[in-house]
N, C-alpha and C. Protein backbone atom coordinates (compact mmCIF):
# COMPACT_ATOMS: atom_id res chain seq x y z
N MET A 1 0.87 -1.21 0.02
CA MET A 1 -0.09 0.03 0.02
C MET A 1 0.94 1.28 -0.06
N SER A 2 0.30 2.29 -0.44
CA SER A 2 1.06 3.53 -0.51
C SER A 2 1.16 4.15 0.82
N ASP A 3 2.28 4.89 1.08
CA ASP A 3 2.35 5.53 2.31
C ASP A 3 1.40 6.70 2.50
N LEU A 4 0.94 7.23 1.33
CA LEU A 4 -0.15 8.21 1.45
C LEU A 4 -1.49 7.71 2.12
N TYR A 5 -1.71 6.43 1.91
CA TYR A 5 -2.89 5.82 2.58
C TYR A 5 -2.62 5.84 4.13
N ILE A 6 -1.48 5.67 4.44
CA ILE A 6 -1.11 5.66 6.00
C ILE A 6 -1.53 7.01 6.50
N ASN A 7 -1.18 8.05 5.80
CA ASN A 7 -1.43 9.41 6.24
C ASN A 7 -2.90 9.57 6.37
N GLN A 8 -3.71 9.07 5.34
CA GLN A 8 -5.22 9.16 5.37
C GLN A 8 -5.79 8.46 6.63
N ARG A 9 -5.39 7.19 6.81
CA ARG A 9 -5.87 6.52 8.01
C ARG A 9 -5.44 7.16 9.24
N LEU A 10 -4.16 7.80 9.33
CA LEU A 10 -3.86 8.37 10.55
C LEU A 10 -4.80 9.67 10.79
N LYS A 11 -5.06 10.30 9.77
CA LYS A 11 -5.93 11.45 9.85
C LYS A 11 -7.33 11.07 10.42
N MET A 12 -7.82 9.97 9.87
CA MET A 12 -9.13 9.32 10.32
C MET A 12 -9.05 9.10 11.90
N PHE A 13 -7.96 8.44 12.24
CA PHE A 13 -7.89 8.12 13.64
C PHE A 13 -7.76 9.31 14.48
N LEU A 14 -6.93 10.26 14.26
CA LEU A 14 -6.72 11.45 14.97
C LEU A 14 -7.99 12.21 15.12
N ASP A 15 -8.76 12.34 13.91
CA ASP A 15 -10.11 13.02 13.96
C ASP A 15 -10.99 12.29 14.95
N SER A 16 -11.08 11.05 14.96
CA SER A 16 -11.88 10.41 15.82
C SER A 16 -11.52 10.56 17.36
N LYS A 17 -10.31 11.07 17.61
CA LYS A 17 -9.84 11.32 19.01
C LYS A 17 -9.88 12.77 19.19
N ASP A 18 -10.45 13.60 18.25
CA ASP A 18 -10.34 15.02 18.36
C ASP A 18 -8.92 15.55 18.74
N PHE A 19 -8.01 14.91 18.17
CA PHE A 19 -6.58 15.22 18.27
C PHE A 19 -6.22 16.11 17.08
N SER A 20 -5.98 17.38 17.34
CA SER A 20 -5.84 18.42 16.27
C SER A 20 -4.44 18.29 15.66
N ASN A 21 -4.29 18.99 14.52
CA ASN A 21 -2.96 19.02 13.80
C ASN A 21 -1.94 19.75 14.73
N GLN A 22 -2.48 20.76 15.53
CA GLN A 22 -1.59 21.43 16.44
C GLN A 22 -1.21 20.56 17.60
N ASP A 23 -2.02 19.72 18.17
CA ASP A 23 -1.69 18.70 19.11
C ASP A 23 -0.64 17.72 18.65
N LEU A 24 -0.88 17.31 17.36
CA LEU A 24 0.10 16.33 16.80
C LEU A 24 1.43 17.04 16.58
N ARG A 25 1.44 18.29 16.09
CA ARG A 25 2.74 19.08 15.86
C ARG A 25 3.50 19.09 17.14
N ILE A 26 2.86 19.44 18.26
CA ILE A 26 3.49 19.59 19.53
C ILE A 26 4.00 18.23 19.99
N ALA A 27 3.12 17.27 19.94
CA ALA A 27 3.49 15.88 20.43
C ALA A 27 4.68 15.35 19.68
N LEU A 28 4.74 15.63 18.35
CA LEU A 28 5.96 15.08 17.57
C LEU A 28 7.11 16.05 17.59
N GLY A 29 6.94 17.22 18.07
CA GLY A 29 8.05 18.13 18.14
C GLY A 29 8.40 18.66 16.74
N VAL A 30 7.44 18.80 15.85
CA VAL A 30 7.57 19.28 14.51
C VAL A 30 7.45 20.79 14.58
N LYS A 31 8.37 21.53 13.98
CA LYS A 31 8.35 22.92 14.02
C LYS A 31 7.32 23.73 13.34
N THR A 32 6.91 23.22 12.13
CA THR A 32 5.86 24.06 11.37
C THR A 32 4.49 23.36 11.26
N ARG A 33 3.46 24.27 11.19
CA ARG A 33 2.21 23.68 11.09
C ARG A 33 1.99 23.18 9.60
N GLN A 34 2.75 23.79 8.70
CA GLN A 34 2.57 23.37 7.25
C GLN A 34 3.06 21.97 7.15
N GLN A 35 4.13 21.55 7.86
CA GLN A 35 4.50 20.12 7.65
C GLN A 35 3.44 19.10 8.08
N ILE A 36 2.79 19.40 9.20
CA ILE A 36 1.69 18.48 9.63
C ILE A 36 0.58 18.45 8.60
N SER A 37 0.28 19.72 8.13
CA SER A 37 -0.84 19.88 7.17
C SER A 37 -0.54 19.13 5.85
N ASN A 38 0.79 19.13 5.44
CA ASN A 38 1.13 18.34 4.22
C ASN A 38 0.97 16.96 4.42
N TRP A 39 1.33 16.43 5.64
CA TRP A 39 1.10 14.96 5.89
C TRP A 39 -0.36 14.64 5.99
N MET A 40 -1.17 15.45 6.70
CA MET A 40 -2.60 15.12 6.87
C MET A 40 -3.34 15.23 5.49
N LEU A 41 -2.89 16.08 4.59
CA LEU A 41 -3.48 16.25 3.30
C LEU A 41 -2.88 15.26 2.22
N SER A 42 -2.06 14.41 2.80
CA SER A 42 -1.36 13.44 1.99
C SER A 42 -0.53 14.02 0.86
N LYS A 43 -0.01 15.09 1.00
CA LYS A 43 0.90 15.73 0.07
C LYS A 43 2.37 15.26 0.15
N GLU A 44 2.68 14.70 1.42
CA GLU A 44 4.01 14.26 1.60
C GLU A 44 3.91 12.97 2.52
N LYS A 45 4.89 12.04 2.39
CA LYS A 45 5.02 10.94 3.27
C LYS A 45 5.29 11.36 4.76
N MET A 46 4.79 10.83 5.59
CA MET A 46 5.07 11.04 6.99
C MET A 46 6.26 10.22 7.40
N PRO A 47 7.40 10.79 7.96
CA PRO A 47 8.54 9.89 8.24
C PRO A 47 8.15 8.73 9.20
N ASP A 48 8.76 7.61 9.02
CA ASP A 48 8.58 6.38 9.91
C ASP A 48 8.72 6.67 11.38
N LYS A 49 9.63 7.50 11.64
CA LYS A 49 9.91 7.79 13.13
C LYS A 49 8.73 8.43 13.74
N HIS A 50 7.99 9.24 13.01
CA HIS A 50 6.78 9.88 13.61
C HIS A 50 5.59 8.99 13.58
N ILE A 51 5.54 8.14 12.53
CA ILE A 51 4.51 7.08 12.67
C ILE A 51 4.70 6.12 13.78
N LEU A 52 5.85 5.67 14.08
CA LEU A 52 6.17 4.91 15.25
C LEU A 52 5.85 5.60 16.54
N THR A 53 6.11 6.86 16.58
CA THR A 53 5.82 7.69 17.79
C THR A 53 4.32 7.73 18.08
N VAL A 54 3.53 7.91 16.93
CA VAL A 54 2.08 8.09 17.07
C VAL A 54 1.57 6.73 17.53
N ILE A 55 2.04 5.58 16.94
CA ILE A 55 1.57 4.21 17.29
C ILE A 55 1.75 4.01 18.81
N ASN A 56 2.93 4.47 19.27
CA ASN A 56 3.22 4.31 20.77
C ASN A 56 2.47 5.27 21.64
N MET A 57 1.90 6.43 21.06
CA MET A 57 1.19 7.45 21.82
C MET A 57 -0.19 6.87 22.19
N PHE A 58 -0.82 6.05 21.32
CA PHE A 58 -2.17 5.69 21.44
C PHE A 58 -2.26 4.21 21.70
N ASP A 59 -2.64 3.73 22.80
CA ASP A 59 -2.69 2.34 23.01
C ASP A 59 -3.83 1.64 22.25
N ASP A 60 -4.84 2.38 21.91
CA ASP A 60 -5.93 1.75 21.13
C ASP A 60 -5.81 1.86 19.70
N LEU A 61 -4.71 2.43 19.17
CA LEU A 61 -4.52 2.46 17.76
C LEU A 61 -3.93 1.17 17.29
N ASN A 62 -4.66 0.59 16.32
CA ASN A 62 -4.29 -0.77 15.67
C ASN A 62 -3.24 -0.38 14.67
N ALA A 63 -1.97 -0.75 14.99
CA ALA A 63 -0.80 -0.44 14.11
C ALA A 63 -0.93 -1.13 12.74
N ARG A 64 -1.47 -2.33 12.83
CA ARG A 64 -1.69 -3.15 11.53
C ARG A 64 -2.61 -2.37 10.66
N TRP A 65 -3.71 -1.83 11.22
CA TRP A 65 -4.70 -1.20 10.42
C TRP A 65 -4.01 0.08 9.88
N LEU A 66 -3.26 0.84 10.68
CA LEU A 66 -2.65 2.02 10.19
C LEU A 66 -1.77 1.82 9.04
N ILE A 67 -0.93 0.75 9.12
CA ILE A 67 0.03 0.54 8.12
C ILE A 67 -0.44 -0.17 6.87
N THR A 68 -1.39 -1.18 7.09
CA THR A 68 -1.87 -1.96 5.99
C THR A 68 -3.24 -1.70 5.62
N GLY A 69 -4.04 -1.16 6.50
CA GLY A 69 -5.49 -0.88 6.26
C GLY A 69 -6.31 -2.22 6.65
N LYS A 70 -5.64 -3.21 7.19
CA LYS A 70 -6.37 -4.50 7.57
C LYS A 70 -6.70 -4.41 8.97
N GLY A 71 -8.02 -4.90 9.20
CA GLY A 71 -8.36 -4.94 10.60
C GLY A 71 -9.08 -3.62 10.95
N GLY A 72 -9.41 -3.49 12.21
CA GLY A 72 -10.16 -2.30 12.62
C GLY A 72 -9.26 -1.21 13.06
N MET A 73 -9.77 0.06 13.06
CA MET A 73 -8.99 1.25 13.44
C MET A 73 -8.42 1.05 14.92
N THR A 74 -9.33 0.55 15.69
CA THR A 74 -8.91 0.42 17.18
C THR A 74 -8.97 -1.03 17.68
N ASP A 75 -8.84 -1.96 16.70
CA ASP A 75 -8.94 -3.40 16.99
C ASP A 75 -7.64 -3.92 17.49
N THR A 76 -7.55 -3.77 18.76
CA THR A 76 -6.19 -4.12 19.44
C THR A 76 -6.29 -5.58 19.94
N GLU A 77 -7.45 -6.25 19.66
CA GLU A 77 -7.52 -7.66 20.06
C GLU A 77 -6.73 -8.55 19.26
N ASN A 78 -6.39 -8.04 18.05
CA ASN A 78 -5.55 -8.91 17.16
C ASN A 78 -4.20 -9.15 17.70
N GLU A 79 -3.40 -9.98 17.00
CA GLU A 79 -2.10 -10.23 17.36
C GLU A 79 -1.37 -9.00 17.58
N PRO A 80 -0.72 -8.80 18.75
CA PRO A 80 -0.02 -7.53 18.97
C PRO A 80 1.17 -7.37 18.13
N VAL A 81 1.35 -6.12 17.76
CA VAL A 81 2.56 -5.67 16.95
C VAL A 81 3.62 -5.31 17.89
N VAL A 82 4.80 -5.99 17.83
CA VAL A 82 5.84 -5.62 18.71
C VAL A 82 6.83 -4.76 18.03
N LEU A 83 7.10 -3.67 18.53
CA LEU A 83 8.06 -2.71 17.92
C LEU A 83 9.25 -2.58 18.77
N ALA A 84 10.33 -2.81 18.24
CA ALA A 84 11.65 -2.74 18.89
C ALA A 84 11.89 -1.36 19.29
N LYS A 85 12.53 -1.15 20.41
CA LYS A 85 12.96 0.18 20.82
C LYS A 85 14.13 0.68 19.84
N THR A 86 13.68 1.16 18.68
CA THR A 86 14.61 1.57 17.70
C THR A 86 15.14 2.91 17.99
N LYS A 87 16.44 3.07 17.75
CA LYS A 87 17.08 4.30 17.88
C LYS A 87 16.88 5.14 16.67
N ILE A 88 16.40 6.35 16.87
CA ILE A 88 16.07 7.31 15.72
C ILE A 88 17.43 8.09 15.52
N ASP A 89 18.00 8.51 16.43
CA ASP A 89 19.39 9.17 16.28
C ASP A 89 20.16 8.72 17.44
N SER A 90 21.31 9.21 17.55
CA SER A 90 22.15 8.73 18.60
C SER A 90 21.83 9.16 19.95
N ASP A 91 20.89 10.13 20.12
CA ASP A 91 20.62 10.63 21.51
C ASP A 91 19.12 10.31 21.98
N CYS A 92 18.29 9.81 20.97
CA CYS A 92 16.86 9.70 21.47
C CYS A 92 16.33 8.33 20.93
N CYS A 93 15.59 7.76 21.86
CA CYS A 93 14.76 6.59 21.47
C CYS A 93 13.32 6.98 21.30
N LEU A 94 12.57 6.12 20.81
CA LEU A 94 11.09 6.36 20.54
C LEU A 94 10.41 6.76 21.88
N ASP A 95 10.73 6.09 22.95
CA ASP A 95 10.03 6.49 24.25
C ASP A 95 10.40 7.85 24.69
N CYS A 96 11.52 8.31 24.40
CA CYS A 96 11.95 9.63 24.77
C CYS A 96 11.24 10.63 23.98
N ILE A 97 11.28 10.38 22.67
CA ILE A 97 10.49 11.37 21.80
C ILE A 97 9.10 11.46 22.06
N GLU A 98 8.46 10.28 22.35
CA GLU A 98 6.98 10.24 22.72
C GLU A 98 6.78 11.01 24.02
N LYS A 99 7.59 10.89 24.96
CA LYS A 99 7.50 11.50 26.15
C LYS A 99 7.68 12.99 26.09
N GLN A 100 8.66 13.37 25.28
CA GLN A 100 8.96 14.77 25.12
C GLN A 100 7.81 15.48 24.35
N GLY A 101 7.22 14.78 23.38
CA GLY A 101 6.14 15.28 22.75
C GLY A 101 4.83 15.42 23.59
N MET A 102 4.67 14.42 24.38
CA MET A 102 3.48 14.57 25.41
C MET A 102 3.75 15.54 26.43
N ILE A 103 4.97 15.80 26.89
CA ILE A 103 5.27 16.82 27.79
C ILE A 103 4.96 18.24 27.15
N LYS A 104 5.38 18.32 25.94
CA LYS A 104 5.13 19.63 25.24
C LYS A 104 3.65 19.87 25.03
N LEU A 105 2.84 18.79 24.77
CA LEU A 105 1.44 18.98 24.57
C LEU A 105 0.73 19.30 25.81
N LEU A 106 1.20 18.73 26.99
CA LEU A 106 0.55 18.97 28.21
C LEU A 106 0.94 20.40 28.73
N GLU A 107 2.22 20.82 28.47
CA GLU A 107 2.59 22.15 28.78
C GLU A 107 1.76 23.17 27.98
N LYS A 108 1.50 22.91 26.76
CA LYS A 108 0.65 23.80 25.91
C LYS A 108 -0.73 23.86 26.46
N GLN A 109 -1.26 22.72 26.74
CA GLN A 109 -2.63 22.69 27.39
C GLN A 109 -2.70 23.40 28.74
N ALA A 110 -1.67 23.29 29.51
CA ALA A 110 -1.58 23.97 30.82
C ALA A 110 -1.53 25.49 30.53
N ASP A 111 -0.68 25.91 29.64
CA ASP A 111 -0.50 27.25 29.32
C ASP A 111 -1.91 27.89 28.78
N ASP A 112 -2.53 27.15 27.94
CA ASP A 112 -3.97 27.56 27.41
C ASP A 112 -4.88 27.71 28.59
N LYS A 113 -4.91 26.72 29.47
CA LYS A 113 -5.86 26.77 30.60
C LYS A 113 -5.47 27.98 31.57
N ASN A 114 -4.23 28.17 31.76
CA ASN A 114 -3.75 29.39 32.59
C ASN A 114 -4.25 30.69 32.00
N GLU A 115 -4.10 30.72 30.62
CA GLU A 115 -4.60 31.94 29.90
C GLU A 115 -5.98 32.16 30.04
N THR A 116 -6.78 31.08 29.93
CA THR A 116 -8.21 31.13 30.01
C THR A 116 -8.56 31.66 31.47
N ILE A 117 -7.94 31.04 32.49
CA ILE A 117 -8.17 31.41 34.01
C ILE A 117 -7.88 32.94 34.09
N SER A 118 -6.72 33.31 33.53
CA SER A 118 -6.32 34.72 33.65
C SER A 118 -7.42 35.66 33.03
N LYS A 119 -7.89 35.34 31.93
CA LYS A 119 -8.91 36.12 31.28
C LYS A 119 -10.17 36.10 32.08
N LEU A 120 -10.53 34.99 32.67
CA LEU A 120 -11.80 34.89 33.46
C LEU A 120 -11.69 35.69 34.74
N ASN A 121 -10.44 35.54 35.33
CA ASN A 121 -10.23 36.41 36.54
C ASN A 121 -10.41 37.88 36.25
N GLU A 122 -9.86 38.32 35.03
CA GLU A 122 -9.96 39.71 34.70
C GLU A 122 -11.34 40.04 34.43
N LYS A 123 -12.16 39.21 33.84
CA LYS A 123 -13.63 39.54 33.67
C LYS A 123 -14.27 39.61 34.99
N LEU A 124 -13.86 38.66 35.94
CA LEU A 124 -14.47 38.71 37.26
C LEU A 124 -14.28 39.96 37.94
N GLY A 125 -13.06 40.38 37.86
CA GLY A 125 -12.65 41.68 38.56
C GLY A 125 -13.47 42.81 37.98
N LYS A 126 -13.63 42.87 36.62
CA LYS A 126 -14.38 43.98 36.02
C LYS A 126 -15.84 43.91 36.46
N LEU A 127 -16.46 42.69 36.47
CA LEU A 127 -17.90 42.52 36.89
C LEU A 127 -18.02 42.90 38.35
N THR A 128 -17.01 42.48 39.21
CA THR A 128 -17.14 42.86 40.59
C THR A 128 -17.10 44.36 40.75
N GLN A 129 -16.22 45.02 39.99
CA GLN A 129 -16.16 46.58 40.05
C GLN A 129 -17.52 47.17 39.53
N GLN A 130 -18.07 46.58 38.57
CA GLN A 130 -19.39 47.06 38.02
C GLN A 130 -20.47 46.94 39.08
N LEU A 131 -20.46 45.71 39.73
CA LEU A 131 -21.48 45.56 40.72
C LEU A 131 -21.30 46.47 42.02
N GLU A 132 -20.02 46.71 42.36
CA GLU A 132 -19.78 47.67 43.47
C GLU A 132 -20.19 49.05 43.05
N ASP A 133 -19.88 49.39 41.81
CA ASP A 133 -20.40 50.80 41.29
C ASP A 133 -21.83 50.85 41.25
N ALA A 134 -22.55 49.90 40.91
CA ALA A 134 -23.94 49.87 40.76
C ALA A 134 -24.66 49.94 42.17
N GLN A 135 -23.99 49.26 43.15
CA GLN A 135 -24.55 49.26 44.47
C GLN A 135 -24.31 50.58 45.17
N SER A 136 -23.26 51.31 44.83
CA SER A 136 -22.96 52.56 45.43
C SER A 136 -23.85 53.64 44.91
N ASN A 137 -24.35 53.55 43.77
CA ASN A 137 -25.22 54.53 43.08
C ASN A 137 -26.64 54.51 43.63
């Protein structure tokens, strides 16, 4: 099968998980949104190291389905696919890359939530001031 079909199946899986391109970019440590977009639109082949990382990130993703199209998207009852802890470069293994990506994703989500909390606190302060002004009139 073509590698572009892998990209299409990956997009289907990520969409089912509400896992955005931005989430994927952060989890994989990819610098540009355009690169993720090119993969998801099947314009370019996604590198094997990133495919392996995604497989390791999601326990319910059926690697056989992702790579061959056979079986169910989340059919993990089938014969397990054993992936060796392959070195991607001299300093990182797949587990390290996965953990770094998840840390970045969690940090981004925490930053987003902190920003939301800050905005809500700001609105609360303004509303409190308006209420005090209305009560004093």
